[in-house]
Structures are given as structure tokens and as C-alpha cells.
Amino acid sequence: MSVQEYYFLVNRIGPAIETLTGVTATQYNREVVESFSNLQSFFEFNRFPTGHDYEYLVYLRHHGFPSPLLDWSRSPYVAAFFAFRDGSAKLEKRSIYAYCETPTGAKGGAVGEPTIRVLGPYVRSHPRHFRQQSEYTLCESLDAQHCWQYDSHQHVVDRARPGQDLLWRFDISVEERVNVLQQLDNYNLNAYSLFDSEESLLETMWLREHVFKSRQ
């Protein structure tokens, strides 16, 4: 999807979001839109999203709206919780990923090729952002018409350029799922502490009162 198309989409849903949740949606900005289709405005575009646009996109990301933001946690324990939370998938292993954008402090590449950008933690947003110690990445590139579009992080990882965009994967047997979740819950790291909703409370109670006790 083009960055411009996604920007128009999240603006269209703004009135419903504001009416039903009280969250202030992002407001249409012509200068921002023009930067999405102008190669000369690369440096202006590279600062998007900032300010309230960033707050709003983070809110949408944490509440299930399809998003170009890939959500990371600075805590390996939070990452482990999300890796093992879902008990329905029939998988042999669960994976935890670690990403480093610039291990040497520098990053290079051609303007317009798929590029991962890191968006830091300092944004005023929903409490989930802080509970989960979140940071975000997004990947963008130029299409054939020199308009900015969201791209796949995998395209950057597959390029395997040394000295930047390094990714590690740690695989753990799915048989460790309950053990991992119970150890995390002992430190009060669970669905309720990370989401603070009635649904997450009941999810946590099910694990504590049925799943964990069944192991004893």
C-alpha cells in the first residue's frame, strides 16, 4: 500500500475513532501528503510520522488496526510472552527475534530502495505502549512512479548488507510454553499487566487457575 493511501485511510476512520473512543485522530495535512510523492522531499518524508501522527498510528497499532508499524519490545521477557501467548497454533517451536539497525553507528543505501526506519519510544500514546516497552520499525521504498510505499522488512533482511539491519532468531520448543508463561506470571508479566482489559484479566485467570495448576 502507498503511504498516501494509508494516510487517507486512517484519516477517513478518524471521525468514528474520535466519536466512540475519545482519541484524537490525525488531521489531514496537505504538506505531509505532498511529501509522499516527491523524491526531492526525501528528508521531510523521512521525518514522518512525528508528533500527533505518530501518537495516532501507535494507538491504531496497539488496538488491532492493520498497520505498517512493526511492534518491538525493549524487554526480552515481553517478547517471550508474545511468542508463547497463543496456544492454538500447532507449531514445534516459538521464535523470539532481536533487531539491531546500526551496530557500527552508521547506515547506508540508495534513496528509494527498501529501507527500515526505527521509531523510538518517546511518544505520548496509549498505556499499552509503555507497559510493553514498545518501539517500532517500518519499511518503505519508492515505487515505479517515485511515490513512497510501505515495503516488506524481509526484503531488507534478505539483502544481508553487512554492518546494518542485523536480525537474530532464537527458537524455543513449543513444549516450554506453559513453563515460560508461568515463570513470567511469577513476575506479574501476563496478559492483564500488559493490556489491562477485562478480556486479558480472564485470559490470565484461566492460565493461573486451570493451566498452571494442572501441571502441579
C-alpha atoms as a PDB file:
ATOM      1  CA  MET A   1       0.000   0.000   0.000  1.00  0.00           C
ATOM      2  CA  SER A   2       1.241   3.501  -0.744  1.00  0.00           C
ATOM      3  CA  VAL A   3       1.979   5.751   2.208  1.00  0.00           C
ATOM      4  CA  GLN A   4      -0.503   8.267   0.804  1.00  0.00           C
ATOM      5  CA  GLU A   5      -3.290   5.679   0.555  1.00  0.00           C
ATOM      6  CA  TYR A   6      -2.746   4.560   4.136  1.00  0.00           C
ATOM      7  CA  TYR A   7      -2.672   8.176   5.330  1.00  0.00           C
ATOM      8  CA  PHE A   8      -6.043   8.849   3.665  1.00  0.00           C
ATOM      9  CA  LEU A   9      -7.429   5.634   5.193  1.00  0.00           C
ATOM     10  CA  VAL A  10      -6.536   6.493   8.788  1.00  0.00           C
ATOM     11  CA  ASN A  11      -7.958   9.978   8.258  1.00  0.00           C
ATOM     12  CA  ARG A  12     -11.267   8.566   6.979  1.00  0.00           C
ATOM     13  CA  ILE A  13     -11.776   6.464  10.095  1.00  0.00           C
ATOM     14  CA  GLY A  14     -10.871   9.409  12.334  1.00  0.00           C
ATOM     15  CA  PRO A  15     -14.444  10.652  12.991  1.00  0.00           C
ATOM     16  CA  ALA A  16     -15.575   7.207  14.182  1.00  0.00           C
ATOM     17  CA  ILE A  17     -12.481   6.822  16.389  1.00  0.00           C
ATOM     18  CA  GLU A  18     -12.965  10.247  17.969  1.00  0.00           C
ATOM     19  CA  THR A  19     -16.719   9.774  18.491  1.00  0.00           C
ATOM     20  CA  LEU A  20     -16.550   6.322  20.060  1.00  0.00           C
ATOM     21  CA  THR A  21     -13.250   6.380  21.949  1.00  0.00           C
ATOM     22  CA  GLY A  22     -12.351   9.993  22.658  1.00  0.00           C
ATOM     23  CA  VAL A  23      -8.954   9.524  20.995  1.00  0.00           C
ATOM     24  CA  THR A  24      -7.956  12.472  18.800  1.00  0.00           C
ATOM     25  CA  ALA A  25      -7.256  11.289  15.265  1.00  0.00           C
ATOM     26  CA  THR A  26      -4.621  12.758  12.985  1.00  0.00           C
ATOM     27  CA  GLN A  27      -5.688  15.712  10.876  1.00  0.00           C
ATOM     28  CA  TYR A  28      -5.211  15.977   7.124  1.00  0.00           C
ATOM     29  CA  ASN A  29      -2.091  17.969   6.224  1.00  0.00           C
ATOM     30  CA  ARG A  30      -1.509  18.866   2.571  1.00  0.00           C
ATOM     31  CA  GLU A  31       2.248  19.394   3.030  1.00  0.00           C
ATOM     32  CA  VAL A  32       2.585  15.929   4.524  1.00  0.00           C
ATOM     33  CA  VAL A  33       0.645  14.380   1.633  1.00  0.00           C
ATOM     34  CA  GLU A  34       2.811  16.132  -0.948  1.00  0.00           C
ATOM     35  CA  SER A  35       5.942  14.697   0.648  1.00  0.00           C
ATOM     36  CA  PHE A  36       4.666  11.163  -0.055  1.00  0.00           C
ATOM     37  CA  SER A  37       5.061  11.592  -3.825  1.00  0.00           C
ATOM     38  CA  ASN A  38       8.056  13.868  -4.133  1.00  0.00           C
ATOM     39  CA  LEU A  39      11.542  12.427  -4.369  1.00  0.00           C
ATOM     40  CA  GLN A  40      13.037  15.834  -3.626  1.00  0.00           C
ATOM     41  CA  SER A  41      11.281  15.877  -0.241  1.00  0.00           C
ATOM     42  CA  PHE A  42      13.017  12.705   0.952  1.00  0.00           C
ATOM     43  CA  PHE A  43      14.337  14.288   4.135  1.00  0.00           C
ATOM     44  CA  GLU A  44      10.943  15.818   5.001  1.00  0.00           C
ATOM     45  CA  PHE A  45       9.272  12.478   4.340  1.00  0.00           C
ATOM     46  CA  ASN A  46      11.869  10.682   6.419  1.00  0.00           C
ATOM     47  CA  ARG A  47      10.573  12.545   9.464  1.00  0.00           C
ATOM     48  CA  PHE A  48       7.022  11.161   9.060  1.00  0.00           C
ATOM     49  CA  PRO A  49       5.323  10.174  11.268  1.00  0.00           C
ATOM     50  CA  THR A  50       6.112  12.599  14.061  1.00  0.00           C
ATOM     51  CA  GLY A  51       4.085  14.392  16.681  1.00  0.00           C
ATOM     52  CA  HIS A  52       0.408  13.568  16.793  1.00  0.00           C
ATOM     53  CA  ASP A  53       0.555  11.488  13.597  1.00  0.00           C
ATOM     54  CA  TYR A  54       2.926   9.138  15.423  1.00  0.00           C
ATOM     55  CA  GLU A  55       0.706   9.019  18.522  1.00  0.00           C
ATOM     56  CA  TYR A  56      -2.317   8.127  16.424  1.00  0.00           C
ATOM     57  CA  LEU A  57      -0.550   5.403  14.408  1.00  0.00           C
ATOM     58  CA  VAL A  58       0.760   3.848  17.630  1.00  0.00           C
ATOM     59  CA  TYR A  59      -2.782   3.831  19.058  1.00  0.00           C
ATOM     60  CA  LEU A  60      -4.100   2.083  15.934  1.00  0.00           C
ATOM     61  CA  ARG A  61      -1.259  -0.455  16.040  1.00  0.00           C
ATOM     62  CA  HIS A  62      -1.950  -1.455  19.633  1.00  0.00           C
ATOM     63  CA  HIS A  63      -5.678  -1.914  19.024  1.00  0.00           C
ATOM     64  CA  GLY A  64      -5.583  -4.285  16.076  1.00  0.00           C
ATOM     65  CA  PHE A  65      -5.914  -1.934  13.103  1.00  0.00           C
ATOM     66  CA  PRO A  66      -3.693  -3.152  10.219  1.00  0.00           C
ATOM     67  CA  SER A  67      -0.519  -1.123  10.456  1.00  0.00           C
ATOM     68  CA  PRO A  68       2.829  -0.655   8.693  1.00  0.00           C
ATOM     69  CA  LEU A  69       4.433  -0.352  12.129  1.00  0.00           C
ATOM     70  CA  LEU A  70       6.199  -3.484  13.333  1.00  0.00           C
ATOM     71  CA  ASP A  71       5.971  -3.533  17.129  1.00  0.00           C
ATOM     72  CA  TRP A  72       9.106  -4.467  19.104  1.00  0.00           C
ATOM     73  CA  SER A  73       9.768  -4.547  22.826  1.00  0.00           C
ATOM     74  CA  ARG A  74      12.933  -3.485  24.615  1.00  0.00           C
ATOM     75  CA  SER A  75      12.235  -6.325  27.073  1.00  0.00           C
ATOM     76  CA  PRO A  76      13.139  -9.892  26.040  1.00  0.00           C
ATOM     77  CA  TYR A  77      10.607 -11.083  28.650  1.00  0.00           C
ATOM     78  CA  VAL A  78       7.751  -9.186  27.000  1.00  0.00           C
ATOM     79  CA  ALA A  79       8.892 -10.620  23.671  1.00  0.00           C
ATOM     80  CA  ALA A  80       8.841 -14.119  25.170  1.00  0.00           C
ATOM     81  CA  PHE A  81       5.294 -13.598  26.421  1.00  0.00           C
ATOM     82  CA  PHE A  82       4.030 -12.692  22.963  1.00  0.00           C
ATOM     83  CA  ALA A  83       5.946 -15.567  21.382  1.00  0.00           C
ATOM     84  CA  PHE A  84       4.248 -18.113  23.670  1.00  0.00           C
ATOM     85  CA  ARG A  85       0.890 -16.455  24.336  1.00  0.00           C
ATOM     86  CA  ASP A  86      -1.088 -18.172  21.581  1.00  0.00           C
ATOM     87  CA  GLY A  87      -1.724 -21.777  22.494  1.00  0.00           C
ATOM     88  CA  SER A  88      -3.841 -22.747  19.487  1.00  0.00           C
ATOM     89  CA  ALA A  89      -1.231 -22.977  16.733  1.00  0.00           C
ATOM     90  CA  LYS A  90       0.250 -26.419  16.125  1.00  0.00           C
ATOM     91  CA  LEU A  91       3.908 -25.457  15.945  1.00  0.00           C
ATOM     92  CA  GLU A  92       7.065 -27.252  17.000  1.00  0.00           C
ATOM     93  CA  LYS A  93       8.813 -24.091  18.149  1.00  0.00           C
ATOM     94  CA  ARG A  94       8.304 -20.462  19.022  1.00  0.00           C
ATOM     95  CA  SER A  95      10.727 -17.756  17.937  1.00  0.00           C
ATOM     96  CA  ILE A  96      11.955 -14.566  19.566  1.00  0.00           C
ATOM     97  CA  TYR A  97      13.645 -12.028  17.306  1.00  0.00           C
ATOM     98  CA  ALA A  98      16.222  -9.357  18.126  1.00  0.00           C
ATOM     99  CA  TYR A  99      16.985  -6.494  15.743  1.00  0.00           C
ATOM    100  CA  CYS A 100      19.862  -4.024  15.575  1.00  0.00           C
ATOM    101  CA  GLU A 101      19.667  -1.249  12.998  1.00  0.00           C
ATOM    102  CA  THR A 102      23.188   0.182  13.168  1.00  0.00           C
ATOM    103  CA  PRO A 103      25.662  -1.886  15.228  1.00  0.00           C
ATOM    104  CA  THR A 104      28.518   0.286  13.937  1.00  0.00           C
ATOM    105  CA  GLY A 105      26.630   3.589  14.250  1.00  0.00           C
ATOM    106  CA  ALA A 106      26.278   4.188  10.509  1.00  0.00           C
ATOM    107  CA  LYS A 107      23.816   3.177   7.824  1.00  0.00           C
ATOM    108  CA  GLY A 108      23.964   3.447   4.042  1.00  0.00           C
ATOM    109  CA  GLY A 109      21.982   2.688   0.926  1.00  0.00           C
ATOM    110  CA  ALA A 110      20.390   4.165  -2.169  1.00  0.00           C
ATOM    111  CA  VAL A 111      17.456   6.542  -1.869  1.00  0.00           C
ATOM    112  CA  GLY A 112      14.299   4.672  -2.753  1.00  0.00           C
ATOM    113  CA  GLU A 113      15.409   1.109  -2.065  1.00  0.00           C
ATOM    114  CA  PRO A 114      13.570  -0.787   0.726  1.00  0.00           C
ATOM    115  CA  THR A 115      14.777   0.731   3.993  1.00  0.00           C
ATOM    116  CA  ILE A 116      13.905   0.011   7.612  1.00  0.00           C
ATOM    117  CA  ARG A 117      13.453   3.005   9.911  1.00  0.00           C
ATOM    118  CA  VAL A 118      13.301   2.829  13.691  1.00  0.00           C
ATOM    119  CA  LEU A 119      10.738   4.953  15.542  1.00  0.00           C
ATOM    120  CA  GLY A 120      11.680   5.364  19.174  1.00  0.00           C
ATOM    121  CA  PRO A 121       9.783   5.017  22.458  1.00  0.00           C
ATOM    122  CA  TYR A 122       9.287   8.706  23.253  1.00  0.00           C
ATOM    123  CA  VAL A 123       5.722   9.261  22.184  1.00  0.00           C
ATOM    124  CA  ARG A 124       2.636  10.143  24.177  1.00  0.00           C
ATOM    125  CA  SER A 125       0.232   7.325  23.448  1.00  0.00           C
ATOM    126  CA  HIS A 126      -1.889   4.552  24.919  1.00  0.00           C
ATOM    127  CA  PRO A 127      -0.665   2.981  28.206  1.00  0.00           C
ATOM    128  CA  ARG A 128      -0.007  -0.288  26.356  1.00  0.00           C
ATOM    129  CA  HIS A 129       2.877   1.422  24.605  1.00  0.00           C
ATOM    130  CA  PHE A 130       4.642   1.905  27.941  1.00  0.00           C
ATOM    131  CA  ARG A 131       3.570  -1.364  29.582  1.00  0.00           C
ATOM    132  CA  GLN A 132       5.000  -3.314  26.662  1.00  0.00           C
ATOM    133  CA  GLN A 133       8.163  -1.141  26.403  1.00  0.00           C
ATOM    134  CA  SER A 134       7.455  -0.648  22.734  1.00  0.00           C
ATOM    135  CA  GLU A 135       9.485   0.691  19.870  1.00  0.00           C
ATOM    136  CA  TYR A 136       8.562   0.386  16.208  1.00  0.00           C
ATOM    137  CA  THR A 137      10.050  -0.090  12.781  1.00  0.00           C
ATOM    138  CA  LEU A 138       8.584   0.486   9.350  1.00  0.00           C
ATOM    139  CA  CYS A 139       9.947  -0.298   5.917  1.00  0.00           C
ATOM    140  CA  GLU A 140       9.459   1.960   2.893  1.00  0.00           C
ATOM    141  CA  SER A 141      10.572   2.205  -0.713  1.00  0.00           C
ATOM    142  CA  LEU A 142       9.830   4.150  -3.889  1.00  0.00           C
ATOM    143  CA  ASP A 143       7.503   2.623  -6.468  1.00  0.00           C
ATOM    144  CA  ALA A 144       7.850   2.980 -10.250  1.00  0.00           C
ATOM    145  CA  GLN A 145       6.113   6.380 -10.137  1.00  0.00           C
ATOM    146  CA  HIS A 146       8.527   7.659  -7.469  1.00  0.00           C
ATOM    147  CA  CYS A 147       5.836   7.592  -4.805  1.00  0.00           C
ATOM    148  CA  TRP A 148       6.595   6.263  -1.350  1.00  0.00           C
ATOM    149  CA  GLN A 149       5.078   2.925  -0.403  1.00  0.00           C
ATOM    150  CA  TYR A 150       5.279   0.580   2.551  1.00  0.00           C
ATOM    151  CA  ASP A 151       7.501  -2.394   1.851  1.00  0.00           C
ATOM    152  CA  SER A 152       8.410  -5.710   3.466  1.00  0.00           C
ATOM    153  CA  HIS A 153      11.027  -5.860   6.209  1.00  0.00           C
ATOM    154  CA  GLN A 154      12.004  -9.218   4.720  1.00  0.00           C
ATOM    155  CA  HIS A 155      13.327  -7.505   1.588  1.00  0.00           C
ATOM    156  CA  VAL A 156      15.879  -5.673   3.732  1.00  0.00           C
ATOM    157  CA  VAL A 157      16.804  -8.729   5.799  1.00  0.00           C
ATOM    158  CA  ASP A 158      17.285 -10.860   2.669  1.00  0.00           C
ATOM    159  CA  ARG A 159      19.672  -8.265   1.264  1.00  0.00           C
ATOM    160  CA  ALA A 160      22.018  -9.076   4.175  1.00  0.00           C
ATOM    161  CA  ARG A 161      24.083  -5.912   3.944  1.00  0.00           C
ATOM    162  CA  PRO A 162      26.935  -6.203   6.493  1.00  0.00           C
ATOM    163  CA  GLY A 163      27.053  -3.733   9.345  1.00  0.00           C
ATOM    164  CA  GLN A 164      23.370  -2.785   9.404  1.00  0.00           C
ATOM    165  CA  ASP A 165      19.866  -4.196   9.849  1.00  0.00           C
ATOM    166  CA  LEU A 166      21.009  -7.301  11.709  1.00  0.00           C
ATOM    167  CA  LEU A 167      18.403  -9.814  12.837  1.00  0.00           C
ATOM    168  CA  TRP A 168      18.766 -12.736  15.242  1.00  0.00           C
ATOM    169  CA  ARG A 169      16.211 -15.509  15.806  1.00  0.00           C
ATOM    170  CA  PHE A 170      16.046 -17.628  18.951  1.00  0.00           C
ATOM    171  CA  ASP A 171      13.961 -20.798  18.651  1.00  0.00           C
ATOM    172  CA  ILE A 172      12.442 -22.451  21.732  1.00  0.00           C
ATOM    173  CA  SER A 173      10.460 -25.681  21.782  1.00  0.00           C
ATOM    174  CA  VAL A 174       6.701 -25.212  21.998  1.00  0.00           C
ATOM    175  CA  GLU A 175       6.735 -27.757  24.824  1.00  0.00           C
ATOM    176  CA  GLU A 176       8.151 -24.978  27.037  1.00  0.00           C
ATOM    177  CA  ARG A 177       5.071 -22.785  26.543  1.00  0.00           C
ATOM    178  CA  VAL A 178       3.360 -23.299  29.898  1.00  0.00           C
ATOM    179  CA  ASN A 179       6.652 -23.230  31.779  1.00  0.00           C
ATOM    180  CA  VAL A 180       7.617 -19.919  30.167  1.00  0.00           C
ATOM    181  CA  LEU A 181       4.230 -18.309  30.791  1.00  0.00           C
ATOM    182  CA  GLN A 182       4.186 -19.453  34.410  1.00  0.00           C
ATOM    183  CA  GLN A 183       7.660 -18.096  35.101  1.00  0.00           C
ATOM    184  CA  LEU A 184       6.689 -14.758  33.550  1.00  0.00           C
ATOM    185  CA  ASP A 185       3.461 -14.679  35.560  1.00  0.00           C
ATOM    186  CA  ASN A 186       5.502 -15.156  38.745  1.00  0.00           C
ATOM    187  CA  TYR A 187       6.923 -11.716  37.958  1.00  0.00           C
ATOM    188  CA  ASN A 188       3.426 -10.409  37.152  1.00  0.00           C
ATOM    189  CA  LEU A 189       4.157 -10.287  33.444  1.00  0.00           C
ATOM    190  CA  ASN A 190       0.970 -11.557  31.833  1.00  0.00           C
ATOM    191  CA  ALA A 191      -1.833 -10.517  29.516  1.00  0.00           C
ATOM    192  CA  TYR A 192      -3.539  -8.435  32.197  1.00  0.00           C
ATOM    193  CA  SER A 193      -0.428  -6.480  33.178  1.00  0.00           C
ATOM    194  CA  LEU A 194       0.329  -5.775  29.512  1.00  0.00           C
ATOM    195  CA  PHE A 195      -3.189  -4.994  28.249  1.00  0.00           C
ATOM    196  CA  ASP A 196      -5.261  -4.029  31.335  1.00  0.00           C
ATOM    197  CA  SER A 197      -8.605  -5.120  29.881  1.00  0.00           C
ATOM    198  CA  GLU A 198     -11.384  -7.421  31.086  1.00  0.00           C
ATOM    199  CA  GLU A 199     -10.566  -9.903  28.327  1.00  0.00           C
ATOM    200  CA  SER A 200      -6.897 -10.037  29.353  1.00  0.00           C
ATOM    201  CA  LEU A 201      -7.896 -10.426  33.017  1.00  0.00           C
ATOM    202  CA  LEU A 202      -9.967 -13.506  32.194  1.00  0.00           C
ATOM    203  CA  GLU A 203      -7.185 -14.888  29.998  1.00  0.00           C
ATOM    204  CA  THR A 204      -4.785 -14.533  32.932  1.00  0.00           C
ATOM    205  CA  MET A 205      -7.231 -16.132  35.380  1.00  0.00           C
ATOM    206  CA  TRP A 206      -7.683 -19.123  33.077  1.00  0.00           C
ATOM    207  CA  LEU A 207      -3.943 -19.699  32.958  1.00  0.00           C
ATOM    208  CA  ARG A 208      -3.478 -19.301  36.715  1.00  0.00           C
ATOM    209  CA  GLU A 209      -6.473 -21.311  37.902  1.00  0.00           C
ATOM    210  CA  HIS A 210      -6.548 -24.064  35.300  1.00  0.00           C
ATOM    211  CA  VAL A 211      -3.482 -24.376  33.074  1.00  0.00           C
ATOM    212  CA  PHE A 212      -0.770 -23.759  35.669  1.00  0.00           C
ATOM    213  CA  LYS A 213      -2.494 -25.788  38.388  1.00  0.00           C
ATOM    214  CA  SER A 214      -2.969 -28.696  36.006  1.00  0.00           C
ATOM    215  CA  ARG A 215       0.819 -29.033  35.812  1.00  0.00           C
ATOM    216  CA  GLN A 216       1.251 -29.424  39.561  1.00  0.00           C
END
